[in-house]
Amino acid sequence: MSIKLDLIRDLPRDKVMARNPTLIGIVLGVRFYECAIHGDEAPLIAVTDTQCGYTDWHDVPKDHELTDMVSA
């Protein structure tokens, strides 16, 4: 399943992953990481096959919350 997320700000996946961020959870195939620089002071970073960026969440969303974030 390929989904398109509405992100606060896109981030370069290679730079994010090079900092070895902590995986917090996976929901509907979307991986959520804690920012390796700002920790829990920053929103979670969402990573899919095609996207990487900050979300509105500081905690891993529930399935229904994530589907609300998916753009049409």
PDB file of N, CA and C in Angstrom:
ATOM      1  N   MET A   1       0.839  -1.179   0.000  1.00  0.00           N
ATOM      2  CA  MET A   1       0.000   0.000   0.000  1.00  0.00           C
ATOM      3  C   MET A   1       0.884   1.241   0.000  1.00  0.00           C
ATOM      4  N   SER A   2       0.693   2.081  -0.958  1.00  0.00           N
ATOM      5  CA  SER A   2       1.461   3.314  -1.052  1.00  0.00           C
ATOM      6  C   SER A   2       0.558   4.473  -0.638  1.00  0.00           C
ATOM      7  N   ILE A   3       0.987   5.223   0.363  1.00  0.00           N
ATOM      8  CA  ILE A   3       0.186   6.349   0.820  1.00  0.00           C
ATOM      9  C   ILE A   3       0.988   7.630   0.719  1.00  0.00           C
ATOM     10  N   LYS A   4       0.287   8.729   0.545  1.00  0.00           N
ATOM     11  CA  LYS A   4       0.897  10.056   0.458  1.00  0.00           C
ATOM     12  C   LYS A   4       0.507  10.808   1.714  1.00  0.00           C
ATOM     13  N   LEU A   5       1.491  11.194   2.511  1.00  0.00           N
ATOM     14  CA  LEU A   5       1.244  11.878   3.782  1.00  0.00           C
ATOM     15  C   LEU A   5       1.334  13.385   3.620  1.00  0.00           C
ATOM     16  N   ASP A   6       0.533  14.099   4.401  1.00  0.00           N
ATOM     17  CA  ASP A   6       0.642  15.554   4.502  1.00  0.00           C
ATOM     18  C   ASP A   6       1.639  15.837   5.617  1.00  0.00           C
ATOM     19  N   LEU A   7       2.858  16.204   5.245  1.00  0.00           N
ATOM     20  CA  LEU A   7       3.926  16.422   6.219  1.00  0.00           C
ATOM     21  C   LEU A   7       4.107  17.909   6.503  1.00  0.00           C
ATOM     22  N   ILE A   8       4.580  18.228   7.710  1.00  0.00           N
ATOM     23  CA  ILE A   8       4.879  19.617   8.065  1.00  0.00           C
ATOM     24  C   ILE A   8       6.041  20.131   7.217  1.00  0.00           C
ATOM     25  N   ARG A   9       7.080  19.308   7.110  1.00  0.00           N
ATOM     26  CA  ARG A   9       8.263  19.700   6.338  1.00  0.00           C
ATOM     27  C   ARG A   9       8.949  18.441   5.829  1.00  0.00           C
ATOM     28  N   ASP A  10       9.246  18.422   4.541  1.00  0.00           N
ATOM     29  CA  ASP A  10       9.984  17.298   3.967  1.00  0.00           C
ATOM     30  C   ASP A  10      11.441  17.354   4.419  1.00  0.00           C
ATOM     31  N   LEU A  11      12.024  16.180   4.573  1.00  0.00           N
ATOM     32  CA  LEU A  11      13.423  16.066   4.979  1.00  0.00           C
ATOM     33  C   LEU A  11      14.139  15.111   4.025  1.00  0.00           C
ATOM     34  N   PRO A  12      15.451  15.301   3.822  1.00  0.00           N
ATOM     35  CA  PRO A  12      16.213  14.365   2.985  1.00  0.00           C
ATOM     36  C   PRO A  12      16.410  13.033   3.720  1.00  0.00           C
ATOM     37  N   ARG A  13      15.841  11.968   3.181  1.00  0.00           N
ATOM     38  CA  ARG A  13      15.869  10.662   3.840  1.00  0.00           C
ATOM     39  C   ARG A  13      17.291  10.203   4.160  1.00  0.00           C
ATOM     40  N   ASP A  14      18.220  10.377   3.235  1.00  0.00           N
ATOM     41  CA  ASP A  14      19.581   9.881   3.475  1.00  0.00           C
ATOM     42  C   ASP A  14      20.244  10.576   4.663  1.00  0.00           C
ATOM     43  N   LYS A  15      20.008  11.874   4.824  1.00  0.00           N
ATOM     44  CA  LYS A  15      20.600  12.596   5.955  1.00  0.00           C
ATOM     45  C   LYS A  15      19.932  12.211   7.272  1.00  0.00           C
ATOM     46  N   VAL A  16      18.609  12.035   7.244  1.00  0.00           N
ATOM     47  CA  VAL A  16      17.893  11.627   8.460  1.00  0.00           C
ATOM     48  C   VAL A  16      18.386  10.256   8.909  1.00  0.00           C
ATOM     49  N   MET A  17      18.424   9.307   8.001  1.00  0.00           N
ATOM     50  CA  MET A  17      18.793   7.938   8.352  1.00  0.00           C
ATOM     51  C   MET A  17      20.277   7.807   8.700  1.00  0.00           C
ATOM     52  N   ALA A  18      21.117   8.697   8.188  1.00  0.00           N
ATOM     53  CA  ALA A  18      22.547   8.666   8.506  1.00  0.00           C
ATOM     54  C   ALA A  18      22.805   8.973   9.982  1.00  0.00           C
ATOM     55  N   ARG A  19      21.862   9.637  10.635  1.00  0.00           N
ATOM     56  CA  ARG A  19      22.005   9.975  12.057  1.00  0.00           C
ATOM     57  C   ARG A  19      21.483   8.874  12.980  1.00  0.00           C
ATOM     58  N   ASN A  20      21.076   7.746  12.400  1.00  0.00           N
ATOM     59  CA  ASN A  20      20.572   6.595  13.157  1.00  0.00           C
ATOM     60  C   ASN A  20      19.469   6.983  14.151  1.00  0.00           C
ATOM     61  N   PRO A  21      18.352   7.523  13.642  1.00  0.00           N
ATOM     62  CA  PRO A  21      17.264   7.896  14.545  1.00  0.00           C
ATOM     63  C   PRO A  21      16.640   6.657  15.192  1.00  0.00           C
ATOM     64  N   THR A  22      15.994   6.849  16.320  1.00  0.00           N
ATOM     65  CA  THR A  22      15.349   5.748  17.038  1.00  0.00           C
ATOM     66  C   THR A  22      13.968   5.475  16.449  1.00  0.00           C
ATOM     67  N   LEU A  23      13.740   4.233  16.045  1.00  0.00           N
ATOM     68  CA  LEU A  23      12.428   3.833  15.542  1.00  0.00           C
ATOM     69  C   LEU A  23      11.476   3.754  16.732  1.00  0.00           C
ATOM     70  N   ILE A  24      10.380   4.510  16.654  1.00  0.00           N
ATOM     71  CA  ILE A  24       9.403   4.563  17.741  1.00  0.00           C
ATOM     72  C   ILE A  24       8.240   3.607  17.477  1.00  0.00           C
ATOM     73  N   GLY A  25       7.851   3.473  16.206  1.00  0.00           N
ATOM     74  CA  GLY A  25       6.748   2.578  15.876  1.00  0.00           C
ATOM     75  C   GLY A  25       6.462   2.553  14.389  1.00  0.00           C
ATOM     76  N   ILE A  26       5.641   1.589  13.992  1.00  0.00           N
ATOM     77  CA  ILE A  26       5.225   1.449  12.598  1.00  0.00           C
ATOM     78  C   ILE A  26       3.699   1.332  12.581  1.00  0.00           C
ATOM     79  N   VAL A  27       3.067   2.173  11.760  1.00  0.00           N
ATOM     80  CA  VAL A  27       1.613   2.157  11.620  1.00  0.00           C
ATOM     81  C   VAL A  27       1.283   2.142  10.129  1.00  0.00           C
ATOM     82  N   LEU A  28       0.522   1.149   9.705  1.00  0.00           N
ATOM     83  CA  LEU A  28       0.115   1.023   8.302  1.00  0.00           C
ATOM     84  C   LEU A  28       1.302   1.131   7.345  1.00  0.00           C
ATOM     85  N   GLY A  29       2.435   0.592   7.734  1.00  0.00           N
ATOM     86  CA  GLY A  29       3.619   0.601   6.887  1.00  0.00           C
ATOM     87  C   GLY A  29       4.456   1.870   6.970  1.00  0.00           C
ATOM     88  N   VAL A  30       4.002   2.864   7.713  1.00  0.00           N
ATOM     89  CA  VAL A  30       4.750   4.116   7.890  1.00  0.00           C
ATOM     90  C   VAL A  30       5.610   3.969   9.138  1.00  0.00           C
ATOM     91  N   ARG A  31       6.911   4.202   8.980  1.00  0.00           N
ATOM     92  CA  ARG A  31       7.835   4.114  10.105  1.00  0.00           C
ATOM     93  C   ARG A  31       7.972   5.491  10.759  1.00  0.00           C
ATOM     94  N   PHE A  32       7.855   5.530  12.074  1.00  0.00           N
ATOM     95  CA  PHE A  32       7.962   6.783  12.821  1.00  0.00           C
ATOM     96  C   PHE A  32       9.223   6.761  13.665  1.00  0.00           C
ATOM     97  N   TYR A  33      10.033   7.807  13.509  1.00  0.00           N
ATOM     98  CA  TYR A  33      11.312   7.917  14.205  1.00  0.00           C
ATOM     99  C   TYR A  33      11.335   9.162  15.073  1.00  0.00           C
ATOM    100  N   GLU A  34      12.088   9.073  16.177  1.00  0.00           N
ATOM    101  CA  GLU A  34      12.374  10.245  16.993  1.00  0.00           C
ATOM    102  C   GLU A  34      13.541  10.977  16.340  1.00  0.00           C
ATOM    103  N   CYS A  35      13.484  12.289  16.331  1.00  0.00           N
ATOM    104  CA  CYS A  35      14.564  13.089  15.754  1.00  0.00           C
ATOM    105  C   CYS A  35      15.869  12.820  16.506  1.00  0.00           C
ATOM    106  N   ALA A  36      16.926  12.495  15.768  1.00  0.00           N
ATOM    107  CA  ALA A  36      18.212  12.163  16.386  1.00  0.00           C
ATOM    108  C   ALA A  36      18.893  13.396  16.989  1.00  0.00           C
ATOM    109  N   ILE A  37      18.492  14.581  16.571  1.00  0.00           N
ATOM    110  CA  ILE A  37      19.106  15.814  17.078  1.00  0.00           C
ATOM    111  C   ILE A  37      18.288  16.406  18.225  1.00  0.00           C
ATOM    112  N   HIS A  38      16.991  16.540  18.022  1.00  0.00           N
ATOM    113  CA  HIS A  38      16.136  17.233  18.986  1.00  0.00           C
ATOM    114  C   HIS A  38      15.349  16.296  19.905  1.00  0.00           C
ATOM    115  N   GLY A  39      15.419  15.006  19.675  1.00  0.00           N
ATOM    116  CA  GLY A  39      14.745  14.035  20.535  1.00  0.00           C
ATOM    117  C   GLY A  39      13.251  14.263  20.624  1.00  0.00           C
ATOM    118  N   ASP A  40      12.707  14.131  21.835  1.00  0.00           N
ATOM    119  CA  ASP A  40      11.258  14.260  21.997  1.00  0.00           C
ATOM    120  C   ASP A  40      10.778  15.708  22.022  1.00  0.00           C
ATOM    121  N   GLU A  41      11.678  16.651  21.832  1.00  0.00           N
ATOM    122  CA  GLU A  41      11.292  18.061  21.720  1.00  0.00           C
ATOM    123  C   GLU A  41      10.777  18.390  20.323  1.00  0.00           C
ATOM    124  N   ALA A  42      11.025  17.510  19.372  1.00  0.00           N
ATOM    125  CA  ALA A  42      10.587  17.705  17.984  1.00  0.00           C
ATOM    126  C   ALA A  42       9.496  16.691  17.654  1.00  0.00           C
ATOM    127  N   PRO A  43       8.649  17.004  16.672  1.00  0.00           N
ATOM    128  CA  PRO A  43       7.650  16.017  16.268  1.00  0.00           C
ATOM    129  C   PRO A  43       8.312  14.789  15.651  1.00  0.00           C
ATOM    130  N   LEU A  44       7.555  13.697  15.612  1.00  0.00           N
ATOM    131  CA  LEU A  44       8.084  12.473  15.003  1.00  0.00           C
ATOM    132  C   LEU A  44       8.332  12.667  13.515  1.00  0.00           C
ATOM    133  N   ILE A  45       9.283  11.914  13.015  1.00  0.00           N
ATOM    134  CA  ILE A  45       9.598  11.900  11.587  1.00  0.00           C
ATOM    135  C   ILE A  45       8.959  10.659  10.991  1.00  0.00           C
ATOM    136  N   ALA A  46       8.188  10.845   9.918  1.00  0.00           N
ATOM    137  CA  ALA A  46       7.550   9.727   9.223  1.00  0.00           C
ATOM    138  C   ALA A  46       8.381   9.382   7.992  1.00  0.00           C
ATOM    139  N   VAL A  47       8.565   8.074   7.776  1.00  0.00           N
ATOM    140  CA  VAL A  47       9.321   7.610   6.613  1.00  0.00           C
ATOM    141  C   VAL A  47       8.505   6.532   5.901  1.00  0.00           C
ATOM    142  N   THR A  48       8.262   6.757   4.613  1.00  0.00           N
ATOM    143  CA  THR A  48       7.617   5.758   3.764  1.00  0.00           C
ATOM    144  C   THR A  48       8.593   5.429   2.636  1.00  0.00           C
ATOM    145  N   ASP A  49       8.139   4.650   1.669  1.00  0.00           N
ATOM    146  CA  ASP A  49       8.999   4.329   0.526  1.00  0.00           C
ATOM    147  C   ASP A  49       9.349   5.562  -0.292  1.00  0.00           C
ATOM    148  N   THR A  50       8.472   6.577  -0.275  1.00  0.00           N
ATOM    149  CA  THR A  50       8.671   7.744  -1.130  1.00  0.00           C
ATOM    150  C   THR A  50       8.785   9.068  -0.388  1.00  0.00           C
ATOM    151  N   GLN A  51       8.529   9.072   0.937  1.00  0.00           N
ATOM    152  CA  GLN A  51       8.527  10.323   1.691  1.00  0.00           C
ATOM    153  C   GLN A  51       9.309  10.219   2.993  1.00  0.00           C
ATOM    154  N   CYS A  52       9.748  11.395   3.441  1.00  0.00           N
ATOM    155  CA  CYS A  52      10.415  11.500   4.732  1.00  0.00           C
ATOM    156  C   CYS A  52      10.213  12.932   5.210  1.00  0.00           C
ATOM    157  N   GLY A  53       9.693  13.081   6.434  1.00  0.00           N
ATOM    158  CA  GLY A  53       9.496  14.432   6.947  1.00  0.00           C
ATOM    159  C   GLY A  53       8.849  14.462   8.309  1.00  0.00           C
ATOM    160  N   TYR A  54       8.807  15.683   8.876  1.00  0.00           N
ATOM    161  CA  TYR A  54       8.187  15.887  10.177  1.00  0.00           C
ATOM    162  C   TYR A  54       6.676  15.759  10.082  1.00  0.00           C
ATOM    163  N   THR A  55       6.080  15.206  11.129  1.00  0.00           N
ATOM    164  CA  THR A  55       4.628  15.083  11.236  1.00  0.00           C
ATOM    165  C   THR A  55       4.119  16.078  12.273  1.00  0.00           C
ATOM    166  N   ASP A  56       2.828  16.004  12.565  1.00  0.00           N
ATOM    167  CA  ASP A  56       2.231  16.810  13.635  1.00  0.00           C
ATOM    168  C   ASP A  56       2.302  16.106  14.982  1.00  0.00           C
ATOM    169  N   TRP A  57       2.769  14.870  15.012  1.00  0.00           N
ATOM    170  CA  TRP A  57       2.687  14.052  16.223  1.00  0.00           C
ATOM    171  C   TRP A  57       3.988  13.982  17.019  1.00  0.00           C
ATOM    172  N   HIS A  58       3.819  13.892  18.328  1.00  0.00           N
ATOM    173  CA  HIS A  58       4.939  13.623  19.237  1.00  0.00           C
ATOM    174  C   HIS A  58       4.845  12.196  19.768  1.00  0.00           C
ATOM    175  N   ASP A  59       3.696  11.559  19.547  1.00  0.00           N
ATOM    176  CA  ASP A  59       3.470  10.155  19.899  1.00  0.00           C
ATOM    177  C   ASP A  59       3.019   9.420  18.644  1.00  0.00           C
ATOM    178  N   VAL A  60       3.293   8.134  18.581  1.00  0.00           N
ATOM    179  CA  VAL A  60       2.907   7.343  17.414  1.00  0.00           C
ATOM    180  C   VAL A  60       1.379   7.376  17.282  1.00  0.00           C
ATOM    181  N   PRO A  61       0.874   7.723  16.095  1.00  0.00           N
ATOM    182  CA  PRO A  61      -0.575   7.798  15.916  1.00  0.00           C
ATOM    183  C   PRO A  61      -1.224   6.419  15.848  1.00  0.00           C
ATOM    184  N   LYS A  62      -2.505   6.387  16.113  1.00  0.00           N
ATOM    185  CA  LYS A  62      -3.315   5.185  15.923  1.00  0.00           C
ATOM    186  C   LYS A  62      -3.642   5.074  14.429  1.00  0.00           C
ATOM    187  N   ASP A  63      -4.077   3.904  13.998  1.00  0.00           N
ATOM    188  CA  ASP A  63      -4.412   3.692  12.584  1.00  0.00           C
ATOM    189  C   ASP A  63      -5.361   4.764  12.048  1.00  0.00           C
ATOM    190  N   HIS A  64      -6.444   5.044  12.786  1.00  0.00           N
ATOM    191  CA  HIS A  64      -7.441   6.000  12.292  1.00  0.00           C
ATOM    192  C   HIS A  64      -6.889   7.428  12.240  1.00  0.00           C
ATOM    193  N   GLU A  65      -5.960   7.765  13.130  1.00  0.00           N
ATOM    194  CA  GLU A  65      -5.349   9.093  13.087  1.00  0.00           C
ATOM    195  C   GLU A  65      -4.467   9.235  11.857  1.00  0.00           C
ATOM    196  N   LEU A  66      -3.778   8.160  11.504  1.00  0.00           N
ATOM    197  CA  LEU A  66      -2.904   8.204  10.334  1.00  0.00           C
ATOM    198  C   LEU A  66      -3.719   8.332   9.058  1.00  0.00           C
ATOM    199  N   THR A  67      -4.830   7.652   8.962  1.00  0.00           N
ATOM    200  CA  THR A  67      -5.643   7.748   7.741  1.00  0.00           C
ATOM    201  C   THR A  67      -6.205   9.154   7.586  1.00  0.00           C
ATOM    202  N   ASP A  68      -6.396   9.890   8.694  1.00  0.00           N
ATOM    203  CA  ASP A  68      -6.831  11.287   8.610  1.00  0.00           C
ATOM    204  C   ASP A  68      -5.731  12.175   8.022  1.00  0.00           C
ATOM    205  N   MET A  69      -4.473  11.771   8.171  1.00  0.00           N
ATOM    206  CA  MET A  69      -3.336  12.561   7.695  1.00  0.00           C
ATOM    207  C   MET A  69      -3.039  12.314   6.217  1.00  0.00           C
ATOM    208  N   VAL A  70      -3.560  11.235   5.676  1.00  0.00           N
ATOM    209  CA  VAL A  70      -3.293  10.878   4.283  1.00  0.00           C
ATOM    210  C   VAL A  70      -4.034  11.845   3.372  1.00  0.00           C
ATOM    211  N   SER A  71      -3.312  12.421   2.429  1.00  0.00           N
ATOM    212  CA  SER A  71      -3.948  13.345   1.489  1.00  0.00           C
ATOM    213  C   SER A  71      -4.680  12.557   0.407  1.00  0.00           C
ATOM    214  N   ALA A  72      -5.709  13.172  -0.095  1.00  0.00           N
ATOM    215  CA  ALA A  72      -6.536  12.501  -1.118  1.00  0.00           C
ATOM    216  C   ALA A  72      -5.830  12.436  -2.449  1.00  0.00           C
TER     217      ALA A  72
END
